[in-house]
Amino acid sequence: MEIILALTIGILFAAGVWLVLRPRSFQVIIGLMLLSYAVNLLLFVSGQLRQDQPPILQEGPLLDPSTYADPVPQALVLTAIVIGFATTALYLVVLLASRGLSGTDHVDGVEQEAD
C-alpha cells in the first residue's frame, strides 16, 4: 500500500510540475491544483497508515500512544483543502480578468491560433 501511495504522490507531483511549466495560464492553475493535491496526500500519509484505530486518546489504565492514529496531519490536510479551494477560486478570477483585458490566456501574451 505504501508503494502505491508513493507512486501516486510522485505522479501527481510530476504532472503538476509539468503543467506549471506550460505556457497557458489555465494549465498552470491545474498544475498548481495537482501540486497541492500531492502535498495534501503526502501530509495525510505522514500520519501513518493505520486502519480501525481511533484518532483520540481515551482514558484507561494502559495508554499506548503507538496504537492511535495521529490527528494532526488530518487537521492540516483539511485546512489545506479549504485554503487550496480559496486560492484556486482567486486564480480563476485573476485568469478571467486577465483574459478579458488581454484577449488571450497565453502567459507571454503571444496570441496562438486554436488547433
PDB file of N, CA and C in Angstrom:
ATOM      1  N   MET A   1       0.825  -1.201   0.000  1.00  0.00           N
ATOM      2  CA  MET A   1       0.000   0.000   0.000  1.00  0.00           C
ATOM      3  C   MET A   1       0.867   1.261   0.000  1.00  0.00           C
ATOM      4  N   GLU A   2       1.993   1.198   0.708  1.00  0.00           N
ATOM      5  CA  GLU A   2       2.870   2.362   0.762  1.00  0.00           C
ATOM      6  C   GLU A   2       3.478   2.677  -0.603  1.00  0.00           C
ATOM      7  N   ILE A   3       3.785   1.628  -1.366  1.00  0.00           N
ATOM      8  CA  ILE A   3       4.347   1.840  -2.704  1.00  0.00           C
ATOM      9  C   ILE A   3       3.328   2.514  -3.615  1.00  0.00           C
ATOM     10  N   ILE A   4       2.088   2.102  -3.533  1.00  0.00           N
ATOM     11  CA  ILE A   4       1.034   2.704  -4.363  1.00  0.00           C
ATOM     12  C   ILE A   4       0.859   4.176  -4.011  1.00  0.00           C
ATOM     13  N   LEU A   5       0.857   4.487  -2.714  1.00  0.00           N
ATOM     14  CA  LEU A   5       0.716   5.886  -2.306  1.00  0.00           C
ATOM     15  C   LEU A   5       1.926   6.718  -2.721  1.00  0.00           C
ATOM     16  N   ALA A   6       3.123   6.153  -2.602  1.00  0.00           N
ATOM     17  CA  ALA A   6       4.328   6.878  -3.018  1.00  0.00           C
ATOM     18  C   ALA A   6       4.316   7.142  -4.521  1.00  0.00           C
ATOM     19  N   LEU A   7       3.905   6.143  -5.303  1.00  0.00           N
ATOM     20  CA  LEU A   7       3.809   6.343  -6.756  1.00  0.00           C
ATOM     21  C   LEU A   7       2.742   7.374  -7.107  1.00  0.00           C
ATOM     22  N   THR A   8       1.622   7.338  -6.404  1.00  0.00           N
ATOM     23  CA  THR A   8       0.557   8.310  -6.661  1.00  0.00           C
ATOM     24  C   THR A   8       1.027   9.721  -6.362  1.00  0.00           C
ATOM     25  N   ILE A   9       1.708   9.902  -5.237  1.00  0.00           N
ATOM     26  CA  ILE A   9       2.224  11.226  -4.885  1.00  0.00           C
ATOM     27  C   ILE A   9       3.243  11.688  -5.918  1.00  0.00           C
ATOM     28  N   GLY A  10       4.125  10.790  -6.340  1.00  0.00           N
ATOM     29  CA  GLY A  10       5.131  11.142  -7.342  1.00  0.00           C
ATOM     30  C   GLY A  10       4.524  11.510  -8.679  1.00  0.00           C
ATOM     31  N   ILE A  11       3.519  10.758  -9.115  1.00  0.00           N
ATOM     32  CA  ILE A  11       2.864  11.048 -10.394  1.00  0.00           C
ATOM     33  C   ILE A  11       2.115  12.372 -10.330  1.00  0.00           C
ATOM     34  N   LEU A  12       1.405  12.619  -9.226  1.00  0.00           N
ATOM     35  CA  LEU A  12       0.700  13.899  -9.073  1.00  0.00           C
ATOM     36  C   LEU A  12       1.681  15.063  -9.082  1.00  0.00           C
ATOM     37  N   PHE A  13       2.786  14.902  -8.364  1.00  0.00           N
ATOM     38  CA  PHE A  13       3.774  15.975  -8.305  1.00  0.00           C
ATOM     39  C   PHE A  13       4.417  16.218  -9.666  1.00  0.00           C
ATOM     40  N   ALA A  14       4.789  15.139 -10.372  1.00  0.00           N
ATOM     41  CA  ALA A  14       5.404  15.286 -11.694  1.00  0.00           C
ATOM     42  C   ALA A  14       4.438  15.928 -12.692  1.00  0.00           C
ATOM     43  N   ALA A  15       3.177  15.493 -12.682  1.00  0.00           N
ATOM     44  CA  ALA A  15       2.192  16.080 -13.589  1.00  0.00           C
ATOM     45  C   ALA A  15       1.954  17.551 -13.243  1.00  0.00           C
ATOM     46  N   GLY A  16       1.936  17.872 -11.950  1.00  0.00           N
ATOM     47  CA  GLY A  16       1.751  19.261 -11.536  1.00  0.00           C
ATOM     48  C   GLY A  16       2.891  20.150 -11.984  1.00  0.00           C
ATOM     49  N   VAL A  17       4.128  19.679 -11.828  1.00  0.00           N
ATOM     50  CA  VAL A  17       5.287  20.466 -12.276  1.00  0.00           C
ATOM     51  C   VAL A  17       5.261  20.636 -13.790  1.00  0.00           C
ATOM     52  N   TRP A  18       4.926  19.568 -14.512  1.00  0.00           N
ATOM     53  CA  TRP A  18       4.872  19.655 -15.970  1.00  0.00           C
ATOM     54  C   TRP A  18       3.824  20.676 -16.411  1.00  0.00           C
ATOM     55  N   LEU A  19       2.662  20.674 -15.764  1.00  0.00           N
ATOM     56  CA  LEU A  19       1.612  21.623 -16.144  1.00  0.00           C
ATOM     57  C   LEU A  19       1.952  23.049 -15.742  1.00  0.00           C
ATOM     58  N   VAL A  20       2.657  23.230 -14.629  1.00  0.00           N
ATOM     59  CA  VAL A  20       3.052  24.585 -14.214  1.00  0.00           C
ATOM     60  C   VAL A  20       4.011  25.187 -15.242  1.00  0.00           C
ATOM     61  N   LEU A  21       4.789  24.369 -15.899  1.00  0.00           N
ATOM     62  CA  LEU A  21       5.743  24.861 -16.896  1.00  0.00           C
ATOM     63  C   LEU A  21       5.129  25.082 -18.276  1.00  0.00           C
ATOM     64  N   ARG A  22       3.845  24.842 -18.445  1.00  0.00           N
ATOM     65  CA  ARG A  22       3.161  25.036 -19.721  1.00  0.00           C
ATOM     66  C   ARG A  22       2.893  26.533 -19.945  1.00  0.00           C
ATOM     67  N   PRO A  23       2.692  26.954 -21.198  1.00  0.00           N
ATOM     68  CA  PRO A  23       2.519  28.386 -21.479  1.00  0.00           C
ATOM     69  C   PRO A  23       1.116  28.933 -21.198  1.00  0.00           C
ATOM     70  N   ARG A  24       0.121  28.094 -21.111  1.00  0.00           N
ATOM     71  CA  ARG A  24      -1.245  28.580 -20.899  1.00  0.00           C
ATOM     72  C   ARG A  24      -1.537  28.720 -19.411  1.00  0.00           C
ATOM     73  N   SER A  25      -2.231  29.777 -19.058  1.00  0.00           N
ATOM     74  CA  SER A  25      -2.478  30.037 -17.638  1.00  0.00           C
ATOM     75  C   SER A  25      -3.458  29.036 -17.024  1.00  0.00           C
ATOM     76  N   PHE A  26      -4.408  28.510 -17.795  1.00  0.00           N
ATOM     77  CA  PHE A  26      -5.324  27.515 -17.247  1.00  0.00           C
ATOM     78  C   PHE A  26      -4.571  26.238 -16.893  1.00  0.00           C
ATOM     79  N   GLN A  27      -3.598  25.855 -17.717  1.00  0.00           N
ATOM     80  CA  GLN A  27      -2.785  24.691 -17.412  1.00  0.00           C
ATOM     81  C   GLN A  27      -1.940  24.919 -16.167  1.00  0.00           C
ATOM     82  N   VAL A  28      -1.489  26.133 -15.968  1.00  0.00           N
ATOM     83  CA  VAL A  28      -0.729  26.470 -14.761  1.00  0.00           C
ATOM     84  C   VAL A  28      -1.613  26.310 -13.529  1.00  0.00           C
ATOM     85  N   ILE A  29      -2.852  26.735 -13.619  1.00  0.00           N
ATOM     86  CA  ILE A  29      -3.776  26.605 -12.483  1.00  0.00           C
ATOM     87  C   ILE A  29      -4.040  25.129 -12.175  1.00  0.00           C
ATOM     88  N   ILE A  30      -4.260  24.328 -13.193  1.00  0.00           N
ATOM     89  CA  ILE A  30      -4.467  22.894 -12.982  1.00  0.00           C
ATOM     90  C   ILE A  30      -3.214  22.264 -12.379  1.00  0.00           C
ATOM     91  N   GLY A  31      -2.037  22.687 -12.836  1.00  0.00           N
ATOM     92  CA  GLY A  31      -0.785  22.186 -12.274  1.00  0.00           C
ATOM     93  C   GLY A  31      -0.626  22.541 -10.812  1.00  0.00           C
ATOM     94  N   LEU A  32      -0.992  23.757 -10.447  1.00  0.00           N
ATOM     95  CA  LEU A  32      -0.930  24.151  -9.036  1.00  0.00           C
ATOM     96  C   LEU A  32      -1.902  23.332  -8.192  1.00  0.00           C
ATOM     97  N   MET A  33      -3.062  23.030  -8.749  1.00  0.00           N
ATOM     98  CA  MET A  33      -4.013  22.185  -8.025  1.00  0.00           C
ATOM     99  C   MET A  33      -3.450  20.785  -7.822  1.00  0.00           C
ATOM    100  N   LEU A  34      -2.821  20.220  -8.850  1.00  0.00           N
ATOM    101  CA  LEU A  34      -2.230  18.890  -8.711  1.00  0.00           C
ATOM    102  C   LEU A  34      -1.090  18.885  -7.696  1.00  0.00           C
ATOM    103  N   LEU A  35      -0.296  19.951  -7.684  1.00  0.00           N
ATOM    104  CA  LEU A  35       0.762  20.050  -6.682  1.00  0.00           C
ATOM    105  C   LEU A  35       0.189  20.107  -5.276  1.00  0.00           C
ATOM    106  N   SER A  36      -0.894  20.846  -5.099  1.00  0.00           N
ATOM    107  CA  SER A  36      -1.489  20.924  -3.765  1.00  0.00           C
ATOM    108  C   SER A  36      -2.096  19.584  -3.359  1.00  0.00           C
ATOM    109  N   TYR A  37      -2.665  18.843  -4.323  1.00  0.00           N
ATOM    110  CA  TYR A  37      -3.183  17.511  -4.009  1.00  0.00           C
ATOM    111  C   TYR A  37      -2.054  16.576  -3.591  1.00  0.00           C
ATOM    112  N   ALA A  38      -0.914  16.668  -4.268  1.00  0.00           N
ATOM    113  CA  ALA A  38       0.228  15.821  -3.923  1.00  0.00           C
ATOM    114  C   ALA A  38       0.731  16.137  -2.518  1.00  0.00           C
ATOM    115  N   VAL A  39       0.825  17.413  -2.186  1.00  0.00           N
ATOM    116  CA  VAL A  39       1.275  17.795  -0.847  1.00  0.00           C
ATOM    117  C   VAL A  39       0.262  17.369   0.206  1.00  0.00           C
ATOM    118  N   ASN A  40      -1.029  17.524  -0.085  1.00  0.00           N
ATOM    119  CA  ASN A  40      -2.058  17.079   0.860  1.00  0.00           C
ATOM    120  C   ASN A  40      -1.969  15.581   1.108  1.00  0.00           C
ATOM    121  N   LEU A  41      -1.779  14.808   0.058  1.00  0.00           N
ATOM    122  CA  LEU A  41      -1.666  13.364   0.206  1.00  0.00           C
ATOM    123  C   LEU A  41      -0.407  12.995   0.986  1.00  0.00           C
ATOM    124  N   LEU A  42       0.684  13.717   0.744  1.00  0.00           N
ATOM    125  CA  LEU A  42       1.916  13.481   1.484  1.00  0.00           C
ATOM    126  C   LEU A  42       1.728  13.776   2.968  1.00  0.00           C
ATOM    127  N   LEU A  43       1.064  14.878   3.287  1.00  0.00           N
ATOM    128  CA  LEU A  43       0.794  15.195   4.689  1.00  0.00           C
ATOM    129  C   LEU A  43      -0.112  14.153   5.332  1.00  0.00           C
ATOM    130  N   PHE A  44      -1.110  13.721   4.607  1.00  0.00           N
ATOM    131  CA  PHE A  44      -2.044  12.742   5.149  1.00  0.00           C
ATOM    132  C   PHE A  44      -1.352  11.407   5.410  1.00  0.00           C
ATOM    133  N   VAL A  45      -0.474  10.999   4.505  1.00  0.00           N
ATOM    134  CA  VAL A  45       0.237   9.733   4.667  1.00  0.00           C
ATOM    135  C   VAL A  45       1.260   9.828   5.797  1.00  0.00           C
ATOM    136  N   SER A  46       1.761  11.025   6.079  1.00  0.00           N
ATOM    137  CA  SER A  46       2.751  11.167   7.153  1.00  0.00           C
ATOM    138  C   SER A  46       2.163  10.828   8.518  1.00  0.00           C
ATOM    139  N   GLY A  47       0.848  10.785   8.632  1.00  0.00           N
ATOM    140  CA  GLY A  47       0.200  10.391   9.875  1.00  0.00           C
ATOM    141  C   GLY A  47       0.171   8.892  10.063  1.00  0.00           C
ATOM    142  N   GLN A  48       0.812   8.138   9.212  1.00  0.00           N
ATOM    143  CA  GLN A  48       0.930   6.682   9.206  1.00  0.00           C
ATOM    144  C   GLN A  48      -0.370   6.017   8.800  1.00  0.00           C
ATOM    145  N   LEU A  49      -0.214   4.881   8.171  1.00  0.00           N
ATOM    146  CA  LEU A  49      -1.362   4.132   7.677  1.00  0.00           C
ATOM    147  C   LEU A  49      -1.792   3.125   8.741  1.00  0.00           C
ATOM    148  N   ARG A  50      -2.848   3.431   9.428  1.00  0.00           N
ATOM    149  CA  ARG A  50      -3.414   2.516  10.417  1.00  0.00           C
ATOM    150  C   ARG A  50      -4.905   2.428  10.164  1.00  0.00           C
ATOM    151  N   GLN A  51      -5.407   1.241  10.114  1.00  0.00           N
ATOM    152  CA  GLN A  51      -6.832   1.054   9.906  1.00  0.00           C
ATOM    153  C   GLN A  51      -7.486   0.618  11.203  1.00  0.00           C
ATOM    154  N   ASP A  52      -8.719   1.052  11.371  1.00  0.00           N
ATOM    155  CA  ASP A  52      -9.529   0.695  12.541  1.00  0.00           C
ATOM    156  C   ASP A  52      -8.888   1.133  13.851  1.00  0.00           C
ATOM    157  N   GLN A  53      -8.235   2.300  13.837  1.00  0.00           N
ATOM    158  CA  GLN A  53      -7.630   2.838  15.054  1.00  0.00           C
ATOM    159  C   GLN A  53      -8.284   4.175  15.365  1.00  0.00           C
ATOM    160  N   PRO A  54      -8.646   4.419  16.610  1.00  0.00           N
ATOM    161  CA  PRO A  54      -9.271   5.699  16.950  1.00  0.00           C
ATOM    162  C   PRO A  54      -8.247   6.840  16.919  1.00  0.00           C
ATOM    163  N   PRO A  55      -8.646   8.039  16.477  1.00  0.00           N
ATOM    164  CA  PRO A  55      -7.711   9.159  16.419  1.00  0.00           C
ATOM    165  C   PRO A  55      -7.582   9.908  17.741  1.00  0.00           C
ATOM    166  N   ILE A  56      -8.384   9.569  18.746  1.00  0.00           N
ATOM    167  CA  ILE A  56      -8.391  10.309  20.002  1.00  0.00           C
ATOM    168  C   ILE A  56      -7.996   9.367  21.138  1.00  0.00           C
ATOM    169  N   LEU A  57      -7.121   9.841  22.017  1.00  0.00           N
ATOM    170  CA  LEU A  57      -6.712   9.040  23.154  1.00  0.00           C
ATOM    171  C   LEU A  57      -7.841   8.964  24.167  1.00  0.00           C
ATOM    172  N   GLN A  58      -8.020   7.785  24.744  1.00  0.00           N
ATOM    173  CA  GLN A  58      -9.066   7.588  25.746  1.00  0.00           C
ATOM    174  C   GLN A  58      -8.424   7.262  27.085  1.00  0.00           C
ATOM    175  N   GLU A  59      -9.128   7.620  28.147  1.00  0.00           N
ATOM    176  CA  GLU A  59      -8.649   7.325  29.491  1.00  0.00           C
ATOM    177  C   GLU A  59      -8.639   5.821  29.702  1.00  0.00           C
ATOM    178  N   GLY A  60      -7.653   5.351  30.390  1.00  0.00           N
ATOM    179  CA  GLY A  60      -7.595   3.929  30.675  1.00  0.00           C
ATOM    180  C   GLY A  60      -6.316   3.584  31.405  1.00  0.00           C
ATOM    181  N   PRO A  61      -6.259   2.395  31.958  1.00  0.00           N
ATOM    182  CA  PRO A  61      -5.068   2.021  32.720  1.00  0.00           C
ATOM    183  C   PRO A  61      -3.835   1.829  31.831  1.00  0.00           C
ATOM    184  N   LEU A  62      -4.020   1.260  30.641  1.00  0.00           N
ATOM    185  CA  LEU A  62      -2.897   1.044  29.733  1.00  0.00           C
ATOM    186  C   LEU A  62      -3.043   1.993  28.553  1.00  0.00           C
ATOM    187  N   LEU A  63      -2.204   3.013  28.514  1.00  0.00           N
ATOM    188  CA  LEU A  63      -2.269   4.007  27.450  1.00  0.00           C
ATOM    189  C   LEU A  63      -1.040   3.852  26.570  1.00  0.00           C
ATOM    190  N   ASP A  64      -1.234   3.310  25.389  1.00  0.00           N
ATOM    191  CA  ASP A  64      -0.133   3.115  24.446  1.00  0.00           C
ATOM    192  C   ASP A  64      -0.362   4.024  23.247  1.00  0.00           C
ATOM    193  N   PRO A  65       0.373   5.135  23.167  1.00  0.00           N
ATOM    194  CA  PRO A  65       0.136   6.080  22.063  1.00  0.00           C
ATOM    195  C   PRO A  65       0.432   5.514  20.683  1.00  0.00           C
ATOM    196  N   SER A  66       1.198   4.456  20.586  1.00  0.00           N
ATOM    197  CA  SER A  66       1.524   3.905  19.271  1.00  0.00           C
ATOM    198  C   SER A  66       0.341   3.191  18.625  1.00  0.00           C
ATOM    199  N   THR A  67      -0.718   2.960  19.384  1.00  0.00           N
ATOM    200  CA  THR A  67      -1.886   2.286  18.813  1.00  0.00           C
ATOM    201  C   THR A  67      -2.916   3.268  18.274  1.00  0.00           C
ATOM    202  N   TYR A  68      -2.639   4.558  18.358  1.00  0.00           N
ATOM    203  CA  TYR A  68      -3.596   5.577  17.920  1.00  0.00           C
ATOM    204  C   TYR A  68      -3.099   6.269  16.661  1.00  0.00           C
ATOM    205  N   ALA A  69      -4.038   6.712  15.858  1.00  0.00           N
ATOM    206  CA  ALA A  69      -3.702   7.490  14.662  1.00  0.00           C
ATOM    207  C   ALA A  69      -3.393   8.925  15.068  1.00  0.00           C
ATOM    208  N   ASP A  70      -2.518   9.573  14.316  1.00  0.00           N
ATOM    209  CA  ASP A  70      -2.141  10.954  14.604  1.00  0.00           C
ATOM    210  C   ASP A  70      -3.156  11.897  13.964  1.00  0.00           C
ATOM    211  N   PRO A  71      -3.879  12.715  14.747  1.00  0.00           N
ATOM    212  CA  PRO A  71      -4.898  13.583  14.153  1.00  0.00           C
ATOM    213  C   PRO A  71      -4.340  14.872  13.550  1.00  0.00           C
ATOM    214  N   VAL A  72      -3.081  15.221  13.817  1.00  0.00           N
ATOM    215  CA  VAL A  72      -2.531  16.487  13.324  1.00  0.00           C
ATOM    216  C   VAL A  72      -2.443  16.517  11.793  1.00  0.00           C
ATOM    217  N   PRO A  73      -1.908  15.490  11.118  1.00  0.00           N
ATOM    218  CA  PRO A  73      -1.900  15.538   9.654  1.00  0.00           C
ATOM    219  C   PRO A  73      -3.303  15.626   9.054  1.00  0.00           C
ATOM    220  N   GLN A  74      -4.272  14.990   9.692  1.00  0.00           N
ATOM    221  CA  GLN A  74      -5.636  15.075   9.189  1.00  0.00           C
ATOM    222  C   GLN A  74      -6.156  16.503   9.277  1.00  0.00           C
ATOM    223  N   ALA A  75      -5.862  17.179  10.377  1.00  0.00           N
ATOM    224  CA  ALA A  75      -6.289  18.576  10.524  1.00  0.00           C
ATOM    225  C   ALA A  75      -5.555  19.482   9.543  1.00  0.00           C
ATOM    226  N   LEU A  76      -4.270  19.221   9.314  1.00  0.00           N
ATOM    227  CA  LEU A  76      -3.506  20.020   8.350  1.00  0.00           C
ATOM    228  C   LEU A  76      -4.052  19.863   6.933  1.00  0.00           C
ATOM    229  N   VAL A  77      -4.396  18.641   6.561  1.00  0.00           N
ATOM    230  CA  VAL A  77      -4.929  18.396   5.218  1.00  0.00           C
ATOM    231  C   VAL A  77      -6.286  19.065   5.050  1.00  0.00           C
ATOM    232  N   LEU A  78      -7.122  18.994   6.064  1.00  0.00           N
ATOM    233  CA  LEU A  78      -8.433  19.638   5.975  1.00  0.00           C
ATOM    234  C   LEU A  78      -8.280  21.147   5.803  1.00  0.00           C
ATOM    235  N   THR A  79      -7.376  21.740   6.551  1.00  0.00           N
ATOM    236  CA  THR A  79      -7.116  23.178   6.412  1.00  0.00           C
ATOM    237  C   THR A  79      -6.540  23.498   5.039  1.00  0.00           C
ATOM    238  N   ALA A  80      -5.631  22.657   4.558  1.00  0.00           N
ATOM    239  CA  ALA A  80      -5.019  22.890   3.242  1.00  0.00           C
ATOM    240  C   ALA A  80      -6.038  22.767   2.120  1.00  0.00           C
ATOM    241  N   ILE A  81      -7.006  21.885   2.262  1.00  0.00           N
ATOM    242  CA  ILE A  81      -8.055  21.750   1.241  1.00  0.00           C
ATOM    243  C   ILE A  81      -8.873  23.030   1.150  1.00  0.00           C
ATOM    244  N   VAL A  82      -9.232  23.587   2.294  1.00  0.00           N
ATOM    245  CA  VAL A  82     -10.026  24.823   2.314  1.00  0.00           C
ATOM    246  C   VAL A  82      -9.222  25.984   1.726  1.00  0.00           C
ATOM    247  N   ILE A  83      -7.973  26.108   2.117  1.00  0.00           N
ATOM    248  CA  ILE A  83      -7.126  27.185   1.594  1.00  0.00           C
ATOM    249  C   ILE A  83      -6.876  26.990   0.095  1.00  0.00           C
ATOM    250  N   GLY A  84      -6.660  25.740  -0.334  1.00  0.00           N
ATOM    251  CA  GLY A  84      -6.450  25.463  -1.753  1.00  0.00           C
ATOM    252  C   GLY A  84      -7.668  25.802  -2.591  1.00  0.00           C
ATOM    253  N   PHE A  85      -8.853  25.525  -2.067  1.00  0.00           N
ATOM    254  CA  PHE A  85     -10.073  25.877  -2.794  1.00  0.00           C
ATOM    255  C   PHE A  85     -10.193  27.392  -2.944  1.00  0.00           C
ATOM    256  N   ALA A  86      -9.890  28.126  -1.886  1.00  0.00           N
ATOM    257  CA  ALA A  86      -9.981  29.594  -1.948  1.00  0.00           C
ATOM    258  C   ALA A  86      -8.957  30.173  -2.916  1.00  0.00           C
ATOM    259  N   THR A  87      -7.729  29.669  -2.897  1.00  0.00           N
ATOM    260  CA  THR A  87      -6.724  30.210  -3.815  1.00  0.00           C
ATOM    261  C   THR A  87      -7.020  29.822  -5.255  1.00  0.00           C
ATOM    262  N   THR A  88      -7.586  28.646  -5.474  1.00  0.00           N
ATOM    263  CA  THR A  88      -7.972  28.270  -6.835  1.00  0.00           C
ATOM    264  C   THR A  88      -9.066  29.187  -7.360  1.00  0.00           C
ATOM    265  N   ALA A  89     -10.020  29.534  -6.512  1.00  0.00           N
ATOM    266  CA  ALA A  89     -11.059  30.482  -6.922  1.00  0.00           C
ATOM    267  C   ALA A  89     -10.446  31.839  -7.244  1.00  0.00           C
ATOM    268  N   LEU A  90      -9.480  32.267  -6.448  1.00  0.00           N
ATOM    269  CA  LEU A  90      -8.799  33.536  -6.723  1.00  0.00           C
ATOM    270  C   LEU A  90      -8.029  33.465  -8.040  1.00  0.00           C
ATOM    271  N   TYR A  91      -7.325  32.349  -8.289  1.00  0.00           N
ATOM    272  CA  TYR A  91      -6.606  32.181  -9.551  1.00  0.00           C
ATOM    273  C   TYR A  91      -7.554  32.268 -10.739  1.00  0.00           C
ATOM    274  N   LEU A  92      -8.712  31.631 -10.634  1.00  0.00           N
ATOM    275  CA  LEU A  92      -9.665  31.658 -11.742  1.00  0.00           C
ATOM    276  C   LEU A  92     -10.208  33.065 -11.997  1.00  0.00           C
ATOM    277  N   VAL A  93     -10.446  33.821 -10.937  1.00  0.00           N
ATOM    278  CA  VAL A  93     -10.917  35.193 -11.108  1.00  0.00           C
ATOM    279  C   VAL A  93      -9.836  36.039 -11.780  1.00  0.00           C
ATOM    280  N   VAL A  94      -8.591  35.869 -11.358  1.00  0.00           N
ATOM    281  CA  VAL A  94      -7.490  36.611 -11.983  1.00  0.00           C
ATOM    282  C   VAL A  94      -7.318  36.178 -13.429  1.00  0.00           C
ATOM    283  N   LEU A  95      -7.479  34.888 -13.710  1.00  0.00           N
ATOM    284  CA  LEU A  95      -7.391  34.391 -15.080  1.00  0.00           C
ATOM    285  C   LEU A  95      -8.459  35.011 -15.963  1.00  0.00           C
ATOM    286  N   LEU A  96      -9.691  35.045 -15.472  1.00  0.00           N
ATOM    287  CA  LEU A  96     -10.773  35.633 -16.269  1.00  0.00           C
ATOM    288  C   LEU A  96     -10.568  37.133 -16.478  1.00  0.00           C
ATOM    289  N   ALA A  97     -10.076  37.836 -15.456  1.00  0.00           N
ATOM    290  CA  ALA A  97      -9.806  39.268 -15.612  1.00  0.00           C
ATOM    291  C   ALA A  97      -8.670  39.503 -16.593  1.00  0.00           C
ATOM    292  N   SER A  98      -7.638  38.687 -16.518  1.00  0.00           N
ATOM    293  CA  SER A  98      -6.512  38.820 -17.441  1.00  0.00           C
ATOM    294  C   SER A  98      -6.930  38.512 -18.873  1.00  0.00           C
ATOM    295  N   ARG A  99      -7.745  37.492 -19.026  1.00  0.00           N
ATOM    296  CA  ARG A  99      -8.219  37.150 -20.370  1.00  0.00           C
ATOM    297  C   ARG A  99      -9.121  38.251 -20.921  1.00  0.00           C
ATOM    298  N   GLY A 100      -9.943  38.857 -20.060  1.00  0.00           N
ATOM    299  CA  GLY A 100     -10.804  39.946 -20.502  1.00  0.00           C
ATOM    300  C   GLY A 100     -10.017  41.179 -20.923  1.00  0.00           C
ATOM    301  N   LEU A 101      -8.905  41.449 -20.234  1.00  0.00           N
ATOM    302  CA  LEU A 101      -8.104  42.628 -20.565  1.00  0.00           C
ATOM    303  C   LEU A 101      -7.197  42.411 -21.770  1.00  0.00           C
ATOM    304  N   SER A 102      -6.618  41.204 -21.874  1.00  0.00           N
ATOM    305  CA  SER A 102      -5.645  40.980 -22.942  1.00  0.00           C
ATOM    306  C   SER A 102      -6.230  40.224 -24.134  1.00  0.00           C
ATOM    307  N   GLY A 103      -7.324  39.525 -23.936  1.00  0.00           N
ATOM    308  CA  GLY A 103      -7.939  38.779 -25.024  1.00  0.00           C
ATOM    309  C   GLY A 103      -7.344  37.398 -25.233  1.00  0.00           C
ATOM    310  N   THR A 104      -6.381  37.003 -24.400  1.00  0.00           N
ATOM    311  CA  THR A 104      -5.766  35.687 -24.513  1.00  0.00           C
ATOM    312  C   THR A 104      -5.421  35.175 -23.129  1.00  0.00           C
ATOM    313  N   ASP A 105      -5.253  33.860 -23.020  1.00  0.00           N
ATOM    314  CA  ASP A 105      -4.827  33.310 -21.743  1.00  0.00           C
ATOM    315  C   ASP A 105      -3.388  32.819 -21.800  1.00  0.00           C
ATOM    316  N   HIS A 106      -2.689  33.184 -22.863  1.00  0.00           N
ATOM    317  CA  HIS A 106      -1.299  32.780 -23.016  1.00  0.00           C
ATOM    318  C   HIS A 106      -0.445  33.618 -22.076  1.00  0.00           C
ATOM    319  N   VAL A 107       0.509  32.992 -21.429  1.00  0.00           N
ATOM    320  CA  VAL A 107       1.286  33.662 -20.392  1.00  0.00           C
ATOM    321  C   VAL A 107       2.138  34.782 -20.947  1.00  0.00           C
ATOM    322  N   ASP A 108       2.846  34.566 -22.067  1.00  0.00           N
ATOM    323  CA  ASP A 108       3.726  35.605 -22.579  1.00  0.00           C
ATOM    324  C   ASP A 108       2.993  36.612 -23.468  1.00  0.00           C
ATOM    325  N   GLY A 109       1.695  36.484 -23.618  1.00  0.00           N
ATOM    326  CA  GLY A 109       0.913  37.463 -24.358  1.00  0.00           C
ATOM    327  C   GLY A 109       0.890  37.248 -25.847  1.00  0.00           C
ATOM    328  N   VAL A 110       1.528  36.211 -26.358  1.00  0.00           N
ATOM    329  CA  VAL A 110       1.542  35.937 -27.782  1.00  0.00           C
ATOM    330  C   VAL A 110       0.274  35.179 -28.143  1.00  0.00           C
ATOM    331  N   GLU A 111      -0.457  35.699 -29.056  1.00  0.00           N
ATOM    332  CA  GLU A 111      -1.709  35.055 -29.492  1.00  0.00           C
ATOM    333  C   GLU A 111      -1.373  33.827 -30.334  1.00  0.00           C
ATOM    334  N   GLN A 112      -1.971  32.683 -29.981  1.00  0.00           N
ATOM    335  CA  GLN A 112      -1.770  31.460 -30.771  1.00  0.00           C
ATOM    336  C   GLN A 112      -3.102  31.059 -31.353  1.00  0.00           C
ATOM    337  N   GLU A 113      -3.041  30.455 -32.529  1.00  0.00           N
ATOM    338  CA  GLU A 113      -4.250  30.021 -33.175  1.00  0.00           C
ATOM    339  C   GLU A 113      -4.756  28.752 -32.528  1.00  0.00           C
ATOM    340  N   ALA A 114      -6.083  28.597 -32.533  1.00  0.00           N
ATOM    341  CA  ALA A 114      -6.691  27.384 -31.971  1.00  0.00           C
ATOM    342  C   ALA A 114      -6.408  26.202 -32.885  1.00  0.00           C
ATOM    343  N   ASP A 115      -6.209  25.030 -32.267  1.00  0.00           N
ATOM    344  CA  ASP A 115      -5.923  23.828 -33.063  1.00  0.00           C
ATOM    345  C   ASP A 115      -7.163  23.294 -33.710  1.00  0.00           C
TER     346      ASP A 115
END
